[in-house]
Amino acid sequence: MGPIVVSPDPPPDDVVRCLDMAGCRWVASTAPRVADEPWVGAVVSTEGGIDAAFDIGRSLRHDEQHAVPVLLVVRGSELALLADHPDAFDDFCVAPFHPVEFEARLRHLLVHTVSAPSGDELITSGPLVLNVETYQAQIDGRLLDLTYMEYALLKFLASSPGRVFTREALLSQVWGYEYYGGARTVDVHIRRLRAKLGEEHAALIQTVRSVGYRFGESRW
């Protein structure tokens, strides 16, 4: 899948952090298309000015050669202005936002531009397969009934097999820097994930005593 174009340049830190956490390829630009491969979508923030954001979003959605869907990032005080510019965006996200909400909105936007999942859109580890486009996970071909946060946690761990993460790191990376829940939140979600993986596969998520958790075997 091609990259996502992000505007303005440089892009807002919260947008960059969410794109990186979601594993998305992106390029910052406010200029006409210059990429060797076509962009698959756009994230346009009003941080560079709401009128400029509307103009950029409109030009990207109606590009003669390769129009792309646009996710507009706005502040709450700007919501009233959206009704007058429906042609400038396909969906919007209000800042400050949770990384899971941002990724869910972006994936929903992009899924219409992707015909079938490729290797880049699947995370596979032994019997576990995660589809990053549909937010679905399977174990031995069995579809897992996961909440958004359970899926996000499993995806984050499975993306770095063998790496140990402290509870604090998981809270920061999965729940977001603004989340103030305690370490027990991580423990509860790990317990639920293990139960849904089933007794045979519960050991895929291992407890590292006095440290945290890892997915799969140690790198050592």
Protein backbone atom coordinates (compact mmCIF):
# COMPACT_ATOMS: atom_id res chain seq x y z
CA MET A 1 0.00 0.00 0.00
CA GLY A 2 1.28 3.46 -0.89
CA PRO A 3 2.05 6.27 1.55
CA ILE A 4 -0.35 8.69 3.22
CA VAL A 5 0.25 12.38 2.57
CA VAL A 6 0.15 14.58 5.68
CA SER A 7 -0.33 18.34 5.82
CA PRO A 8 0.89 20.83 6.94
CA ASP A 9 4.64 20.33 6.63
CA PRO A 10 5.99 19.77 9.25
CA PRO A 11 2.94 17.87 10.56
CA PRO A 12 1.60 18.06 14.13
CA ASP A 13 3.36 15.82 16.66
CA ASP A 14 0.16 14.02 17.71
CA VAL A 15 -0.63 13.08 14.11
CA VAL A 16 2.91 11.81 13.50
CA ARG A 17 2.82 9.75 16.70
CA CYS A 18 -0.49 8.12 15.77
CA LEU A 19 0.62 7.34 12.22
CA ASP A 20 3.84 5.76 13.49
CA MET A 21 1.98 3.73 16.11
CA ALA A 22 -0.39 2.50 13.42
CA GLY A 23 2.56 1.42 11.26
CA CYS A 24 1.51 3.69 8.38
CA ARG A 25 3.92 4.98 5.77
CA TRP A 26 3.50 8.72 5.32
CA VAL A 27 5.05 11.75 3.66
CA ALA A 28 4.58 15.40 4.67
CA SER A 29 3.71 17.72 1.81
CA THR A 30 1.65 20.76 0.91
CA ALA A 31 2.75 20.71 -2.73
CA PRO A 32 1.18 18.93 -5.74
CA ARG A 33 1.86 15.23 -6.09
CA VAL A 34 5.54 14.43 -6.57
CA ALA A 35 5.70 10.88 -5.17
CA ASP A 36 6.88 7.98 -7.32
CA GLU A 37 3.97 5.88 -6.05
CA PRO A 38 0.42 7.21 -5.62
CA TRP A 39 -0.78 8.32 -2.23
CA VAL A 40 -3.60 6.23 -0.79
CA GLY A 41 -5.07 8.87 1.49
CA ALA A 42 -4.44 12.13 3.28
CA VAL A 43 -4.44 13.52 6.82
CA VAL A 44 -4.89 17.28 6.81
CA SER A 45 -4.66 19.24 10.06
CA THR A 46 -6.08 22.71 10.61
CA GLU A 47 -2.98 23.54 12.64
CA GLY A 48 -1.65 25.39 9.59
CA GLY A 49 -4.88 27.39 9.31
CA ILE A 50 -8.40 26.12 8.72
CA ASP A 51 -8.90 27.89 5.39
CA ALA A 52 -5.63 26.43 4.08
CA ALA A 53 -6.70 22.98 5.34
CA PHE A 54 -9.99 23.24 3.45
CA ASP A 55 -8.16 24.26 0.26
CA ILE A 56 -5.65 21.40 0.55
CA GLY A 57 -8.31 18.85 1.39
CA ARG A 58 -10.44 19.96 -1.52
CA SER A 59 -7.54 19.77 -3.98
CA LEU A 60 -6.56 16.28 -2.79
CA ARG A 61 -10.12 14.92 -2.99
CA HIS A 62 -10.63 16.28 -6.48
CA ASP A 63 -7.18 15.69 -7.99
CA GLU A 64 -7.71 14.98 -11.70
CA GLN A 65 -5.11 12.20 -11.85
CA HIS A 66 -5.49 10.50 -8.48
CA ALA A 67 -8.03 11.73 -5.94
CA VAL A 68 -7.60 10.42 -2.38
CA PRO A 69 -9.85 10.34 0.70
CA VAL A 70 -9.09 13.01 3.31
CA LEU A 71 -9.19 12.76 7.11
CA LEU A 72 -9.42 16.28 8.54
CA VAL A 73 -7.99 16.91 12.02
CA VAL A 74 -9.79 19.81 13.69
CA ARG A 75 -10.18 21.48 17.06
CA GLY A 76 -13.50 21.46 18.85
CA SER A 77 -13.94 25.20 18.32
CA GLU A 78 -13.79 24.65 14.53
CA LEU A 79 -16.56 22.06 14.27
CA ALA A 80 -19.23 24.61 13.36
CA LEU A 81 -17.26 25.53 10.22
CA LEU A 82 -17.30 22.02 8.75
CA ALA A 83 -20.89 22.17 7.56
CA ASP A 84 -19.99 24.84 5.00
CA HIS A 85 -17.13 22.82 3.47
CA PRO A 86 -18.39 19.23 2.94
CA ASP A 87 -16.32 18.89 -0.23
CA ALA A 88 -13.01 19.39 1.64
CA PHE A 89 -12.93 16.13 3.65
CA ASP A 90 -14.33 12.61 3.90
CA ASP A 91 -14.14 12.23 7.67
CA PHE A 92 -12.82 14.27 10.59
CA CYS A 93 -11.17 13.67 13.95
CA VAL A 94 -11.33 16.17 16.83
CA ALA A 95 -8.08 16.97 18.65
CA PRO A 96 -7.06 15.94 21.22
CA PHE A 97 -7.91 12.40 20.13
CA HIS A 98 -7.12 8.88 21.28
CA PRO A 99 -4.65 6.99 19.04
CA VAL A 100 -7.12 4.11 18.67
CA GLU A 101 -9.88 6.45 17.48
CA PHE A 102 -7.51 8.12 15.01
CA GLU A 103 -6.34 4.81 13.58
CA ALA A 104 -9.88 3.43 13.39
CA ARG A 105 -11.10 6.45 11.44
CA LEU A 106 -8.09 6.36 9.13
CA ARG A 107 -8.39 2.63 8.47
CA HIS A 108 -12.10 2.96 7.78
CA LEU A 109 -11.28 5.68 5.26
CA LEU A 110 -8.54 3.69 3.54
CA VAL A 111 -10.28 0.32 3.42
CA HIS A 112 -12.30 1.52 0.43
CA THR A 113 -9.09 2.11 -1.55
CA VAL A 114 -7.68 -1.38 -0.90
CA SER A 115 -9.05 -4.34 -2.81
CA ALA A 116 -7.57 -7.19 -0.79
CA PRO A 117 -5.13 -7.51 2.06
CA SER A 118 -1.51 -7.91 1.03
CA GLY A 119 1.41 -9.11 3.12
CA ASP A 120 1.98 -5.54 4.34
CA GLU A 121 -1.55 -5.47 5.81
CA LEU A 122 -1.22 -8.72 7.75
CA ILE A 123 0.77 -9.42 10.89
CA THR A 124 1.50 -13.13 11.17
CA SER A 125 3.13 -14.90 14.07
CA GLY A 126 2.74 -18.65 14.14
CA PRO A 127 -0.98 -19.47 14.41
CA LEU A 128 -1.91 -15.81 14.95
CA VAL A 129 -2.90 -13.55 12.04
CA LEU A 130 -3.94 -9.91 12.44
CA ASN A 131 -5.50 -7.94 9.61
CA VAL A 132 -4.60 -4.29 10.16
CA GLU A 133 -7.21 -3.13 7.63
CA THR A 134 -10.25 -4.79 9.20
CA TYR A 135 -9.14 -4.89 12.86
CA GLN A 136 -9.68 -8.64 12.89
CA ALA A 137 -7.52 -11.33 14.46
CA GLN A 138 -7.51 -15.09 13.95
CA ILE A 139 -5.83 -17.88 15.86
CA ASP A 140 -5.62 -21.24 14.05
CA GLY A 141 -8.25 -19.90 11.66
CA ARG A 142 -10.63 -19.04 14.53
CA LEU A 143 -11.85 -15.44 14.53
CA LEU A 144 -11.23 -13.71 17.87
CA ASP A 145 -13.90 -11.46 19.35
CA LEU A 146 -11.72 -8.54 20.50
CA THR A 147 -12.49 -5.03 21.67
CA TYR A 148 -10.61 -2.11 20.09
CA MET A 149 -8.18 -1.90 23.00
CA GLU A 150 -7.62 -5.66 23.12
CA TYR A 151 -6.86 -5.65 19.41
CA ALA A 152 -4.57 -2.61 19.73
CA LEU A 153 -2.64 -4.23 22.58
CA LEU A 154 -2.29 -7.56 20.78
CA LYS A 155 -1.21 -5.84 17.58
CA PHE A 156 1.39 -3.76 19.41
CA LEU A 157 2.90 -6.78 21.16
CA ALA A 158 2.79 -9.02 18.08
CA SER A 159 4.50 -6.34 15.99
CA SER A 160 7.63 -6.66 18.16
CA PRO A 161 7.94 -10.37 19.00
CA GLY A 162 10.43 -11.18 21.75
CA ARG A 163 10.67 -7.59 22.96
CA VAL A 164 9.80 -6.92 26.59
CA PHE A 165 7.55 -3.96 27.40
CA THR A 166 6.92 -2.56 30.86
CA ARG A 167 3.35 -1.86 31.90
CA GLU A 168 4.12 1.85 31.79
CA ALA A 169 5.42 1.59 28.22
CA LEU A 170 2.29 -0.28 27.14
CA LEU A 171 0.05 2.31 28.76
CA SER A 172 1.92 5.06 26.95
CA GLN A 173 2.13 3.41 23.53
CA VAL A 174 -1.27 1.68 23.36
CA TRP A 175 -3.56 3.78 25.52
CA GLY A 176 -1.80 7.06 24.74
CA TYR A 177 0.32 9.56 26.61
CA GLU A 178 -2.73 11.33 28.03
CA TYR A 179 -4.17 8.17 29.58
CA TYR A 180 -3.99 8.18 33.36
CA GLY A 181 -5.06 4.62 34.11
CA GLY A 182 -2.87 2.47 36.32
CA ALA A 183 -0.83 -0.62 35.54
CA ARG A 184 -3.81 -2.78 36.51
CA THR A 185 -5.45 -1.71 33.22
CA VAL A 186 -2.71 -3.55 31.32
CA ASP A 187 -2.95 -6.64 33.52
CA VAL A 188 -6.72 -6.87 33.03
CA HIS A 189 -6.42 -6.62 29.24
CA ILE A 190 -3.61 -9.18 29.14
CA ARG A 191 -5.74 -11.59 31.15
CA ARG A 192 -8.67 -11.10 28.77
CA LEU A 193 -6.45 -11.58 25.72
CA ARG A 194 -5.04 -14.82 27.07
CA ALA A 195 -8.55 -16.10 27.77
CA LYS A 196 -9.63 -15.31 24.21
CA LEU A 197 -6.51 -16.85 22.70
CA GLY A 198 -7.44 -20.04 24.51
CA GLU A 199 -5.51 -22.31 26.82
CA GLU A 200 -3.42 -23.72 23.97
CA HIS A 201 -2.14 -20.31 22.87
CA ALA A 202 -2.32 -18.23 26.03
CA ALA A 203 1.45 -18.59 26.47
CA LEU A 204 2.02 -16.49 23.34
CA ILE A 205 1.87 -13.53 25.74
CA GLN A 206 4.46 -14.14 28.43
CA THR A 207 4.93 -12.42 31.77
CA VAL A 208 8.44 -11.21 32.50
CA ARG A 209 8.69 -11.14 36.28
CA SER A 210 9.04 -7.67 37.80
CA VAL A 211 9.22 -6.09 34.34
CA GLY A 212 6.17 -6.53 32.12
CA TYR A 213 5.12 -8.59 29.11
CA ARG A 214 6.43 -9.86 25.80
CA PHE A 215 4.92 -11.64 22.81
CA GLY A 216 6.58 -14.91 21.84
CA GLU A 217 9.98 -16.21 22.86
CA SER A 218 12.85 -14.08 24.11
CA ARG A 219 15.28 -12.84 21.48
CA TRP A 220 18.03 -14.50 23.51
